[in-house]
Amino acid sequence: MTISQSVFPLPGVQHGKRIIASVIETRAQKDNDTPWVSLPINEENLSLGFKDISFRSFNNAANHAAHWLRQNLPETSEPFQKFAYAGPKDLRYPILAVAAAKLQKVLILPSPLVTAEAQRRILEQQKCTVYLRPSTMTTQVDVILHDAPHVQTIDIPDLEEFLKDTEAEPVTYSKTWDEGKNDPWLVFHTSGTTGNPKPVTWTHRMMASIDMMAASPNIKDSMVHRAANHRLFTPIPSLHLTGMMLILATTTYVNMTAVLGPSTALTPSTIISVFQNTHIDGTLLPPALIDGLCLSDAGLAALRSLNFLMYAGAPLAAKSAALLTPYIPVVINGVGTTEAGGYFATHHSQRDPDAYLWLSFAQQKGATFEPRTADGLHELVFVREDPAMTSGVIETDDEPVIFQTYPHLTRFETHDLWRPHPVHKDLWQIVGRTDDYVPLSHSDGLHASSLEPEITAHPAVRAALIGGHGLAKPVLVVQLVDGTTASEFEVESLRPYVDKVNARVHECVRLEMGRVIVATEEKPFAYTAKQSVARMQSLELYEAEIAALEG
């Protein structure tokens, strides 16, 4: 029996066509509802335990915030007034999001990890002239807005001013599903790892995609099925789509309780302390943190205690997977994009050692795989089931999110490359991107990201990059794990791993041991906000060394 048969629909719930703000207001009326979130009693001392925050408290905080926004935002006659917010990693993000929904305003969420120029560009594109921030971030925001004097900044109160026991006058979301589903609500932006960060507006219907999925009898055993009715820990901030979907949509629609850690940047030791001081069923972590936890017995014990482990943003290292998959019932790759949302793919149900690598899109509406390379790699492409429907008006509520983002398109190429499972039909493994292709001077080339995991299987290698654009032969650059220096590393130890790469490619694009560069401690690889290697920036650090190989 599949897990979906025992999860959805949740008792007493009619999934689909529900707006988050309205569901929160309804759940706030219940006395014995599942907690919304659980957070440390004292961030400085996690051993004091965690406290649960109810949906009643959440809705009350959103009402307080809605009154504050009414009093402090500039008056305007334009619908869907936009305002930006940046602050520490705390509950003001989801509270302001729901307050904005109640007032039918639009919250823009710029990331501090992108450049000031990129943030200003996003504000300009969105015609946003109001920026909220706590007084503790005055300097940072002033730097961002230095060349944008027309943008008004407003100090926002501390979290405690919203999340207080005093009952606020209710501010109720007033629209039905059909009236409000296509209204703009939240503006995220792409990470910028493949170009300039691009703002993406999410409507109420797009944020309800989890509820739509729960209403579908076709999708089985996705990440959402695992999270429903469970306590899930994640450090992903709410300014990112994934973080906001977890703390707003997954909690509200499928009774997940979000367990939060301290608002400061988390280390493996802090995560271990979180696991030791509250009950956690599952977690969603970037692979870099999973790798860090796997370096200690305490970290391994914490992860192995889970019922499910989700990872996102980058591949899970084979070394970490080997230490975890025999102990954790389900390890899932959380795949998606800011533009398309979560893919809700079904994980491989077999207890194979590599089950964590494989996903099924068989029941995913519009998902197709188109062949791209001679060695069997395919690109995931979303195709509109009714190509004639390009008027910009979406006729069906379950239209894939990507065609709600881009209603004028009939197909969307994700640029993600996947490999089909050699045995099981409809299973796919993501191996890289179409823009990871390394063209060599003799017109042949190779898809680097599909081969690099063979190298990172070496116990001393943290990351590996294959480069050599335009050269006669490819180049391999490796970054070592912490504690291993370039001077003491034996390059020859890479030979068995290089041989595995060469067994998979044509002889004209094979790696050579004489074309291996070991990254130094002085020039570590660059990493993205998702903690994946920034390919082009990292290879650029070693341009001189690569050029030296050419004589």
Protein backbone atom coordinates (compact mmCIF):
# COMPACT_ATOMS: atom_id res chain seq x y z
CA MET A 1 0.00 0.00 0.00
CA THR A 2 1.39 3.43 -0.91
CA ILE A 3 1.72 6.17 1.64
CA SER A 4 -0.70 8.39 -0.32
CA GLN A 5 -3.56 6.01 0.45
CA SER A 6 -3.25 6.75 4.15
CA VAL A 7 -2.43 10.47 3.98
CA PHE A 8 -4.72 12.38 1.59
CA PRO A 9 -7.32 13.61 1.93
CA LEU A 10 -6.66 14.64 5.51
CA PRO A 11 -9.62 13.92 7.80
CA GLY A 12 -12.30 16.59 7.45
CA VAL A 13 -10.37 18.49 4.76
CA GLN A 14 -11.46 19.19 1.20
CA HIS A 15 -8.18 19.87 -0.56
CA GLY A 16 -7.83 22.22 -3.52
CA LYS A 17 -9.16 25.70 -4.26
CA ARG A 18 -8.29 27.15 -0.84
CA ILE A 19 -6.41 30.39 -0.27
CA ILE A 20 -3.77 30.20 2.48
CA ALA A 21 -4.91 33.29 4.40
CA SER A 22 -8.47 31.96 4.60
CA VAL A 23 -7.32 28.52 5.76
CA ILE A 24 -5.17 30.11 8.48
CA GLU A 25 -8.16 32.12 9.68
CA THR A 26 -10.26 28.95 9.79
CA ARG A 27 -7.61 26.94 11.61
CA ALA A 28 -7.21 29.77 14.14
CA GLN A 29 -10.72 28.99 15.38
CA LYS A 30 -9.78 25.43 16.40
CA ASP A 31 -8.69 24.73 19.97
CA ASN A 32 -6.74 21.50 19.41
CA ASP A 33 -5.13 22.08 16.03
CA THR A 34 -1.68 20.91 14.96
CA PRO A 35 0.95 23.53 15.94
CA TRP A 36 2.07 25.87 13.19
CA VAL A 37 5.76 26.04 14.17
CA SER A 38 8.04 25.02 17.02
CA LEU A 39 10.98 27.24 17.95
CA PRO A 40 13.65 27.41 20.68
CA ILE A 41 12.61 28.77 24.06
CA ASN A 42 16.07 30.35 24.25
CA GLU A 43 18.23 30.59 21.12
CA GLU A 44 21.35 30.80 23.28
CA ASN A 45 20.53 27.59 25.17
CA LEU A 46 18.70 24.98 23.11
CA SER A 47 18.74 22.53 26.02
CA LEU A 48 15.83 24.52 27.49
CA GLY A 49 13.67 22.97 24.81
CA PHE A 50 11.22 24.24 22.20
CA LYS A 51 7.81 25.90 22.32
CA ASP A 52 4.94 25.43 19.89
CA ILE A 53 3.17 28.36 18.22
CA SER A 54 -0.47 27.75 17.30
CA PHE A 55 -2.36 28.89 14.22
CA ARG A 56 -4.42 31.07 16.54
CA SER A 57 -1.25 32.92 17.60
CA PHE A 58 -0.08 33.04 13.98
CA ASN A 59 -3.32 34.59 12.75
CA ASN A 60 -3.34 37.05 15.64
CA ALA A 61 0.23 38.10 14.79
CA ALA A 62 -0.77 38.59 11.15
CA ASN A 63 -3.69 40.77 12.29
CA HIS A 64 -1.33 42.92 14.38
CA ALA A 65 1.00 43.20 11.39
CA ALA A 66 -1.88 44.11 9.06
CA HIS A 67 -2.89 46.99 11.34
CA TRP A 68 0.73 48.15 11.46
CA LEU A 69 1.00 48.06 7.66
CA ARG A 70 -2.21 50.10 7.31
CA GLN A 71 -0.79 52.74 9.60
CA ASN A 72 2.72 52.91 8.15
CA LEU A 73 2.65 52.19 4.42
CA PRO A 74 2.16 55.24 2.18
CA GLU A 75 -1.42 55.77 1.09
CA THR A 76 -2.14 54.74 -2.47
CA SER A 77 -5.15 54.23 -4.71
CA GLU A 78 -3.36 51.60 -6.79
CA PRO A 79 -4.37 47.97 -6.23
CA PHE A 80 -1.84 45.46 -4.89
CA GLN A 81 0.56 47.96 -3.39
CA LYS A 82 4.09 46.52 -3.31
CA PHE A 83 6.58 46.69 -0.47
CA ALA A 84 9.91 44.96 0.09
CA TYR A 85 11.15 43.45 3.33
CA ALA A 86 14.53 42.18 4.48
CA GLY A 87 15.35 41.12 8.00
CA PRO A 88 16.85 38.39 10.16
CA LYS A 89 15.72 34.80 9.75
CA ASP A 90 12.65 34.93 11.99
CA LEU A 91 8.86 34.70 11.87
CA ARG A 92 8.33 38.23 10.60
CA TYR A 93 8.65 36.88 7.05
CA PRO A 94 5.57 34.60 7.13
CA ILE A 95 3.67 36.99 9.41
CA LEU A 96 4.16 39.88 6.98
CA ALA A 97 3.25 37.58 4.08
CA VAL A 98 -0.14 36.73 5.59
CA ALA A 99 -0.70 40.35 6.63
CA ALA A 100 -0.05 41.40 3.03
CA ALA A 101 -2.60 38.83 1.83
CA LYS A 102 -5.24 40.10 4.25
CA LEU A 103 -4.75 43.64 2.90
CA GLN A 104 -4.34 42.48 -0.74
CA LYS A 105 -0.84 43.88 -0.97
CA VAL A 106 2.29 42.34 -2.51
CA LEU A 107 5.40 41.44 -0.52
CA ILE A 108 8.75 41.48 -2.34
CA LEU A 109 11.53 39.35 -0.84
CA PRO A 110 15.01 40.45 -1.96
CA SER A 111 17.86 38.22 -0.83
CA PRO A 112 20.86 39.82 0.91
CA LEU A 113 23.04 37.26 -0.87
CA VAL A 114 22.68 38.98 -4.25
CA THR A 115 24.42 42.24 -5.07
CA ALA A 116 23.04 45.66 -4.19
CA GLU A 117 22.78 46.39 -7.91
CA ALA A 118 20.73 43.23 -8.46
CA GLN A 119 18.39 44.12 -5.60
CA ARG A 120 17.85 47.63 -6.98
CA ARG A 121 17.12 46.14 -10.39
CA ILE A 122 14.44 43.92 -8.86
CA LEU A 123 12.84 46.89 -7.09
CA GLU A 124 12.87 48.90 -10.32
CA GLN A 125 11.34 46.07 -12.34
CA GLN A 126 8.59 45.71 -9.74
CA LYS A 127 8.06 49.50 -9.44
CA CYS A 128 8.50 49.14 -5.68
CA THR A 129 9.23 52.32 -3.72
CA VAL A 130 8.87 51.09 -0.12
CA TYR A 131 11.44 48.99 1.74
CA LEU A 132 10.78 47.69 5.27
CA ARG A 133 13.64 46.63 7.52
CA PRO A 134 14.40 46.37 11.24
CA SER A 135 16.60 49.07 12.74
CA THR A 136 19.39 46.49 13.08
CA MET A 137 19.66 46.38 9.28
CA THR A 138 19.62 50.12 8.61
CA THR A 139 23.21 50.20 7.36
CA GLN A 140 22.86 47.19 5.06
CA VAL A 141 19.66 48.48 3.45
CA ASP A 142 21.04 52.02 3.13
CA VAL A 143 23.95 50.62 1.12
CA ILE A 144 21.52 48.77 -1.16
CA LEU A 145 19.41 51.89 -1.71
CA HIS A 146 22.31 54.34 -2.02
CA ASP A 147 21.53 54.94 -5.70
CA ALA A 148 17.76 54.72 -5.21
CA PRO A 149 16.79 57.80 -3.16
CA HIS A 150 13.17 57.51 -4.33
CA VAL A 151 12.70 54.31 -2.30
CA GLN A 152 11.28 55.03 1.15
CA THR A 153 12.63 52.99 4.07
CA ILE A 154 10.49 52.20 7.11
CA ASP A 155 11.59 50.64 10.40
CA ILE A 156 9.60 47.54 11.29
CA PRO A 157 8.86 46.57 14.91
CA ASP A 158 10.49 43.65 16.69
CA LEU A 159 8.90 40.24 16.27
CA GLU A 160 7.45 40.43 19.79
CA GLU A 161 5.26 43.38 18.76
CA PHE A 162 3.42 41.13 16.35
CA LEU A 163 3.64 37.81 18.18
CA LYS A 164 2.02 38.97 21.41
CA ASP A 165 -0.92 37.65 23.39
CA THR A 166 -2.98 40.85 23.13
CA GLU A 167 -5.93 40.11 20.85
CA ALA A 168 -5.86 42.18 17.67
CA GLU A 169 -8.97 43.39 15.88
CA PRO A 170 -9.49 40.75 13.16
CA VAL A 171 -8.45 41.64 9.63
CA THR A 172 -10.09 39.07 7.38
CA TYR A 173 -9.12 38.03 3.88
CA SER A 174 -12.27 38.96 2.00
CA LYS A 175 -12.14 37.17 -1.36
CA THR A 176 -13.34 33.76 -2.48
CA TRP A 177 -11.08 31.37 -4.36
CA ASP A 178 -12.34 32.45 -7.77
CA GLU A 179 -12.11 36.13 -6.85
CA GLY A 180 -8.57 36.04 -5.44
CA LYS A 181 -6.74 33.05 -6.89
CA ASN A 182 -4.93 35.00 -9.63
CA ASP A 183 -4.07 38.02 -7.48
CA PRO A 184 -0.34 38.68 -7.03
CA TRP A 185 0.92 38.03 -3.52
CA LEU A 186 4.63 37.22 -3.09
CA VAL A 187 7.61 38.14 -5.27
CA PHE A 188 10.64 35.87 -5.01
CA HIS A 189 13.61 35.93 -7.33
CA THR A 190 15.84 33.37 -8.98
CA SER A 191 19.24 32.74 -7.41
CA GLY A 192 21.22 34.31 -10.21
CA THR A 193 23.43 31.24 -10.59
CA THR A 194 22.57 31.13 -14.31
CA GLY A 195 22.30 34.89 -14.93
CA ASN A 196 20.97 38.02 -13.26
CA PRO A 197 18.41 37.35 -10.50
CA LYS A 198 14.94 37.54 -12.00
CA PRO A 199 11.81 38.43 -9.98
CA VAL A 200 9.03 35.85 -10.08
CA THR A 201 5.54 36.78 -8.86
CA TRP A 202 3.57 34.08 -7.07
CA THR A 203 -0.20 34.31 -6.94
CA HIS A 204 -2.48 32.78 -4.31
CA ARG A 205 -3.21 29.91 -6.69
CA MET A 206 0.49 29.19 -7.22
CA MET A 207 1.05 29.10 -3.45
CA ALA A 208 -1.87 26.64 -3.27
CA SER A 209 -0.10 24.15 -5.54
CA ILE A 210 0.56 21.89 -2.53
CA ASP A 211 -3.17 21.78 -1.78
CA MET A 212 -3.90 21.04 -5.44
CA MET A 213 -1.39 18.20 -5.34
CA ALA A 214 -3.03 16.81 -2.18
CA ALA A 215 -6.34 16.80 -4.05
CA SER A 216 -4.87 14.75 -6.91
CA PRO A 217 -5.23 10.96 -6.69
CA ASN A 218 -2.42 10.49 -9.20
CA ILE A 219 0.66 11.82 -7.39
CA LYS A 220 1.93 9.32 -4.82
CA ASP A 221 4.62 9.50 -2.17
CA SER A 222 6.12 12.91 -2.87
CA MET A 223 7.94 15.14 -0.39
CA VAL A 224 4.58 16.57 0.66
CA HIS A 225 3.16 13.14 1.47
CA ARG A 226 6.10 12.56 3.80
CA ALA A 227 5.84 15.96 5.48
CA ALA A 228 2.08 15.79 6.13
CA ASN A 229 1.20 15.41 9.83
CA HIS A 230 4.89 15.42 10.79
CA ARG A 231 7.45 17.71 12.38
CA LEU A 232 10.03 18.86 9.85
CA PHE A 233 13.19 20.85 10.56
CA THR A 234 14.79 23.06 7.94
CA PRO A 235 17.21 26.01 8.10
CA ILE A 236 16.11 27.37 4.71
CA PRO A 237 15.05 31.03 5.18
CA SER A 238 11.52 32.16 4.35
CA LEU A 239 12.81 34.73 1.88
CA HIS A 240 13.37 31.80 -0.49
CA LEU A 241 10.44 30.10 -2.19
CA THR A 242 11.27 26.72 -0.63
CA GLY A 243 11.39 28.19 2.87
CA MET A 244 8.13 30.08 2.44
CA MET A 245 6.36 27.08 0.91
CA LEU A 246 7.36 25.01 3.93
CA ILE A 247 6.48 27.49 6.67
CA LEU A 248 3.31 28.80 4.99
CA ALA A 249 1.85 26.30 2.53
CA THR A 250 2.94 22.90 3.84
CA THR A 251 2.08 23.78 7.44
CA THR A 252 -1.28 25.30 6.53
CA TYR A 253 -2.49 22.79 3.96
CA VAL A 254 -1.18 19.41 5.18
CA ASN A 255 -0.63 19.86 8.93
CA MET A 256 3.15 19.85 8.93
CA THR A 257 4.75 21.54 11.95
CA ALA A 258 7.86 23.50 10.98
CA VAL A 259 10.66 23.14 13.54
CA LEU A 260 12.94 26.16 13.49
CA GLY A 261 16.46 26.58 14.81
CA PRO A 262 18.19 29.76 15.97
CA SER A 263 17.93 32.78 13.67
CA THR A 264 21.71 32.86 13.25
CA ALA A 265 23.60 30.90 10.60
CA LEU A 266 23.50 27.22 11.50
CA THR A 267 26.50 24.94 11.91
CA PRO A 268 26.42 21.13 12.10
CA SER A 269 26.87 21.34 15.88
CA THR A 270 23.85 23.64 16.20
CA ILE A 271 21.73 21.30 14.10
CA ILE A 272 22.78 18.36 16.29
CA SER A 273 21.64 20.35 19.33
CA VAL A 274 18.27 21.02 17.68
CA PHE A 275 17.79 17.30 17.01
CA GLN A 276 18.74 16.44 20.58
CA ASN A 277 16.31 18.87 22.21
CA THR A 278 13.04 18.40 20.33
CA HIS A 279 11.25 15.69 18.38
CA ILE A 280 11.86 15.77 14.62
CA ASP A 281 10.41 13.34 12.08
CA GLY A 282 12.23 14.61 9.03
CA THR A 283 14.35 17.40 7.65
CA LEU A 284 15.12 19.33 4.47
CA LEU A 285 18.77 20.33 4.29
CA PRO A 286 21.26 21.54 1.70
CA PRO A 287 23.75 18.74 0.93
CA ALA A 288 26.64 20.81 2.31
CA LEU A 289 25.10 20.65 5.79
CA ILE A 290 24.37 16.93 5.40
CA ASP A 291 28.02 16.37 4.48
CA GLY A 292 29.10 18.33 7.56
CA LEU A 293 26.85 16.29 9.84
CA CYS A 294 28.23 13.05 8.40
CA LEU A 295 31.71 13.96 9.65
CA SER A 296 30.84 13.24 13.30
CA ASP A 297 29.26 10.36 15.19
CA ALA A 298 26.75 12.75 16.78
CA GLY A 299 25.78 14.14 13.38
CA LEU A 300 25.32 10.68 11.92
CA ALA A 301 23.23 9.62 14.90
CA ALA A 302 21.01 12.69 14.50
CA LEU A 303 20.38 12.06 10.81
CA ARG A 304 19.92 8.31 11.22
CA SER A 305 17.15 8.93 13.75
CA LEU A 306 14.93 10.44 11.03
CA ASN A 307 11.99 8.86 9.24
CA PHE A 308 12.80 10.83 6.10
CA LEU A 309 15.57 13.07 4.81
CA MET A 310 15.08 15.57 2.00
CA TYR A 311 17.91 17.39 0.28
CA ALA A 312 17.74 20.24 -2.21
CA GLY A 313 19.88 22.71 -4.12
CA ALA A 314 22.69 20.36 -5.12
CA PRO A 315 23.44 16.63 -5.46
CA LEU A 316 23.90 14.53 -2.33
CA ALA A 317 27.46 13.24 -2.14
CA ALA A 318 27.71 9.49 -2.63
CA LYS A 319 29.90 9.28 0.49
CA SER A 320 27.15 10.79 2.63
CA ALA A 321 24.42 8.72 0.99
CA ALA A 322 26.30 5.50 1.75
CA LEU A 323 26.40 6.43 5.44
CA LEU A 324 22.69 7.32 5.62
CA THR A 325 20.51 5.34 3.24
CA PRO A 326 20.81 2.01 5.11
CA TYR A 327 19.35 3.70 8.21
CA ILE A 328 16.79 6.26 6.96
CA PRO A 329 13.62 4.77 5.41
CA VAL A 330 13.31 7.47 2.74
CA VAL A 331 15.89 9.87 1.30
CA ILE A 332 14.34 12.23 -1.27
CA ASN A 333 15.75 14.74 -3.73
CA GLY A 334 13.62 17.89 -3.53
CA VAL A 335 13.68 19.21 -7.09
CA GLY A 336 12.08 22.42 -8.31
CA THR A 337 12.67 26.01 -9.35
CA THR A 338 11.50 29.47 -8.34
CA GLU A 339 9.60 29.71 -11.62
CA ALA A 340 7.99 26.26 -11.56
CA GLY A 341 7.77 25.50 -7.85
CA GLY A 342 8.20 22.00 -6.49
CA TYR A 343 7.93 19.25 -9.06
CA PHE A 344 6.11 16.87 -6.65
CA ALA A 345 7.92 13.95 -8.24
CA THR A 346 7.45 10.49 -6.75
CA HIS A 347 10.55 8.99 -5.19
CA HIS A 348 11.86 5.50 -6.02
CA SER A 349 10.00 3.15 -3.67
CA GLN A 350 12.45 0.25 -3.96
CA ARG A 351 14.99 -0.17 -1.17
CA ASP A 352 17.92 -0.06 -3.57
CA PRO A 353 21.14 1.54 -2.26
CA ASP A 354 20.80 4.26 -4.90
CA ALA A 355 17.04 4.78 -4.56
CA TYR A 356 17.66 8.36 -3.39
CA LEU A 357 18.90 9.28 -6.87
CA TRP A 358 15.74 8.42 -8.78
CA LEU A 359 12.42 10.19 -9.25
CA SER A 360 9.30 9.49 -11.28
CA PHE A 361 7.39 12.15 -13.21
CA ALA A 362 4.87 9.68 -14.64
CA GLN A 363 1.91 11.45 -13.03
CA GLN A 364 3.30 15.00 -13.32
CA LYS A 365 1.09 17.00 -15.62
CA GLY A 366 2.94 18.21 -18.72
CA ALA A 367 6.35 16.74 -17.76
CA THR A 368 8.21 15.15 -20.67
CA PHE A 369 11.80 14.09 -21.28
CA GLU A 370 13.38 14.93 -24.62
CA PRO A 371 16.66 13.30 -25.77
CA ARG A 372 19.60 15.68 -25.91
CA THR A 373 22.85 13.69 -26.12
CA ALA A 374 24.19 10.58 -27.80
CA ASP A 375 24.87 8.96 -24.42
CA GLY A 376 21.20 9.00 -23.42
CA LEU A 377 20.78 12.21 -21.44
CA HIS A 378 17.36 13.89 -21.65
CA GLU A 379 16.13 17.39 -20.83
CA LEU A 380 13.06 17.84 -18.64
CA VAL A 381 10.56 19.89 -20.63
CA PHE A 382 7.10 20.99 -19.52
CA VAL A 383 4.58 20.97 -22.36
CA ARG A 384 1.19 22.61 -22.11
CA GLU A 385 -1.51 20.01 -22.61
CA ASP A 386 -3.60 22.52 -24.59
CA PRO A 387 -1.07 24.46 -26.71
CA ALA A 388 -3.86 26.69 -28.03
CA MET A 389 -4.35 28.15 -24.56
CA THR A 390 -1.89 31.04 -24.82
CA SER A 391 -4.16 33.99 -24.24
CA GLY A 392 -2.67 34.60 -20.81
CA VAL A 393 -5.87 33.41 -19.16
CA ILE A 394 -5.44 30.11 -17.35
CA GLU A 395 -8.56 28.01 -17.63
CA THR A 396 -7.75 25.15 -15.24
CA ASP A 397 -6.84 25.45 -11.58
CA ASP A 398 -4.35 22.58 -11.79
CA GLU A 399 -2.35 24.17 -14.61
CA PRO A 400 1.37 23.55 -13.91
CA VAL A 401 2.90 26.45 -12.01
CA ILE A 402 5.38 27.16 -14.80
CA PHE A 403 2.52 28.10 -17.13
CA GLN A 404 1.05 30.33 -14.46
CA THR A 405 4.42 32.09 -14.27
CA TYR A 406 4.59 32.28 -18.08
CA PRO A 407 0.97 32.06 -19.32
CA HIS A 408 2.02 32.91 -22.90
CA LEU A 409 4.22 29.80 -23.27
CA THR A 410 3.24 26.40 -24.64
CA ARG A 411 6.46 24.68 -23.54
CA PHE A 412 9.23 25.40 -21.05
CA GLU A 413 12.70 23.91 -21.29
CA THR A 414 14.20 23.57 -17.81
CA HIS A 415 17.80 23.06 -19.06
CA ASP A 416 18.10 20.24 -16.49
CA LEU A 417 19.57 17.00 -17.82
CA TRP A 418 18.35 13.60 -16.59
CA ARG A 419 19.44 10.01 -17.07
CA PRO A 420 16.84 7.21 -17.41
CA HIS A 421 17.01 4.28 -14.98
CA PRO A 422 18.52 1.20 -16.66
CA VAL A 423 15.77 -1.09 -15.34
CA HIS A 424 12.77 0.71 -13.85
CA LYS A 425 10.54 2.47 -16.35
CA ASP A 426 9.71 6.15 -15.71
CA LEU A 427 12.54 6.70 -13.20
CA TRP A 428 15.02 9.51 -13.81
CA GLN A 429 18.19 10.84 -12.18
CA ILE A 430 19.15 14.50 -12.50
CA VAL A 431 22.77 14.73 -13.61
CA GLY A 432 23.37 18.34 -14.63
CA ARG A 433 22.34 21.12 -16.94
CA THR A 434 22.51 21.74 -20.63
CA ASP A 435 24.76 24.73 -19.90
CA ASP A 436 27.29 22.43 -18.10
CA TYR A 437 28.47 21.20 -21.50
CA VAL A 438 32.22 21.67 -22.08
CA PRO A 439 32.92 22.12 -25.81
CA LEU A 440 36.47 21.25 -26.86
CA SER A 441 38.42 22.64 -29.79
CA HIS A 442 37.87 19.54 -31.97
CA SER A 443 34.06 20.00 -31.79
CA ASP A 444 33.51 17.15 -29.35
CA GLY A 445 32.81 17.74 -25.68
CA LEU A 446 31.30 16.35 -22.50
CA HIS A 447 28.63 17.16 -19.94
CA ALA A 448 30.75 17.91 -16.92
CA SER A 449 28.20 17.70 -14.11
CA SER A 450 27.14 14.18 -15.07
CA LEU A 451 30.75 12.98 -14.62
CA GLU A 452 32.02 14.99 -11.66
CA PRO A 453 30.31 12.80 -9.00
CA GLU A 454 32.71 10.00 -9.99
CA ILE A 455 35.56 12.23 -8.77
CA THR A 456 33.86 13.48 -5.60
CA ALA A 457 33.49 9.85 -4.51
CA HIS A 458 37.17 10.16 -3.49
CA PRO A 459 37.16 10.55 0.31
CA ALA A 460 39.49 13.55 0.24
CA VAL A 461 37.64 15.47 -2.50
CA ARG A 462 34.96 17.96 -1.51
CA ALA A 463 34.13 19.17 -5.02
CA ALA A 464 35.29 18.61 -8.58
CA LEU A 465 34.94 20.66 -11.75
CA ILE A 466 35.70 19.65 -15.31
CA GLY A 467 36.59 22.59 -17.53
CA GLY A 468 38.55 23.36 -20.65
CA HIS A 469 36.14 25.28 -22.88
CA GLY A 470 37.75 25.59 -26.31
CA LEU A 471 40.85 23.57 -25.41
CA ALA A 472 41.96 20.35 -27.06
CA LYS A 473 41.55 18.34 -23.86
CA PRO A 474 39.46 18.76 -20.70
CA VAL A 475 40.89 19.88 -17.36
CA LEU A 476 39.97 18.56 -13.92
CA VAL A 477 40.07 20.90 -10.90
CA VAL A 478 39.44 19.42 -7.45
CA GLN A 479 38.83 21.05 -4.08
CA LEU A 480 39.85 19.00 -1.06
CA VAL A 481 37.89 18.45 2.13
CA ASP A 482 38.76 20.56 5.16
CA GLY A 483 41.86 19.27 6.90
CA THR A 484 43.56 18.05 3.71
CA THR A 485 46.06 20.43 2.12
CA ALA A 486 46.99 20.62 -1.53
CA SER A 487 50.67 20.11 -0.71
CA GLU A 488 50.11 16.77 1.03
CA PHE A 489 47.49 15.39 -1.35
CA GLU A 490 48.57 12.54 -3.61
CA VAL A 491 47.15 13.35 -7.04
CA GLU A 492 47.85 9.78 -8.13
CA SER A 493 45.14 8.62 -5.69
CA LEU A 494 42.62 10.10 -8.12
CA ARG A 495 43.52 7.63 -10.87
CA PRO A 496 40.82 5.00 -10.12
CA TYR A 497 38.18 7.73 -10.04
CA VAL A 498 39.45 9.30 -13.26
CA ASP A 499 39.36 5.85 -14.83
CA LYS A 500 35.65 5.59 -13.97
CA VAL A 501 35.01 8.87 -15.77
CA ASN A 502 37.00 7.76 -18.80
CA ALA A 503 35.09 4.50 -18.99
CA ARG A 504 31.96 6.53 -19.67
CA VAL A 505 33.23 8.90 -22.38
CA HIS A 506 34.76 8.73 -25.85
CA GLU A 507 38.54 8.54 -25.96
CA CYS A 508 38.81 12.00 -27.51
CA VAL A 509 37.37 13.68 -24.40
CA ARG A 510 39.00 11.57 -21.68
CA LEU A 511 40.65 13.08 -18.62
CA GLU A 512 44.42 12.87 -18.20
CA MET A 513 46.27 12.69 -14.89
CA GLY A 514 48.64 15.36 -16.13
CA ARG A 515 45.74 17.80 -16.46
CA VAL A 516 44.60 17.75 -12.84
CA ILE A 517 44.72 20.94 -10.76
CA VAL A 518 44.32 20.84 -6.99
CA ALA A 519 42.64 23.96 -5.59
CA THR A 520 44.62 25.66 -2.85
CA GLU A 521 43.44 26.89 0.52
CA GLU A 522 44.08 30.45 -0.69
CA LYS A 523 41.68 30.05 -3.62
CA PRO A 524 38.73 27.88 -2.51
CA PHE A 525 35.86 27.29 -4.92
CA ALA A 526 33.07 29.85 -5.02
CA TYR A 527 29.68 28.64 -3.80
CA THR A 528 26.14 29.78 -4.53
CA ALA A 529 23.44 30.63 -2.01
CA LYS A 530 22.25 27.03 -2.42
CA GLN A 531 25.72 25.82 -1.37
CA SER A 532 26.36 24.30 -4.78
CA VAL A 533 29.62 25.08 -6.55
CA ALA A 534 29.51 28.24 -8.66
CA ARG A 535 30.98 26.64 -11.77
CA MET A 536 32.12 29.56 -13.89
CA GLN A 537 33.37 31.68 -10.99
CA SER A 538 35.37 28.77 -9.58
CA LEU A 539 36.96 27.87 -12.91
CA GLU A 540 37.85 31.52 -13.47
CA LEU A 541 39.91 31.41 -10.26
CA TYR A 542 42.19 28.89 -11.97
CA GLU A 543 42.43 30.46 -15.43
CA ALA A 544 46.20 30.93 -15.10
CA GLU A 545 46.79 27.35 -14.00
CA ILE A 546 44.61 26.03 -16.82
CA ALA A 547 46.43 28.21 -19.35
CA ALA A 548 49.78 26.92 -18.05
CA LEU A 549 48.77 23.37 -18.98
CA GLU A 550 48.59 24.48 -22.61
CA GLY A 551 52.23 25.58 -22.53
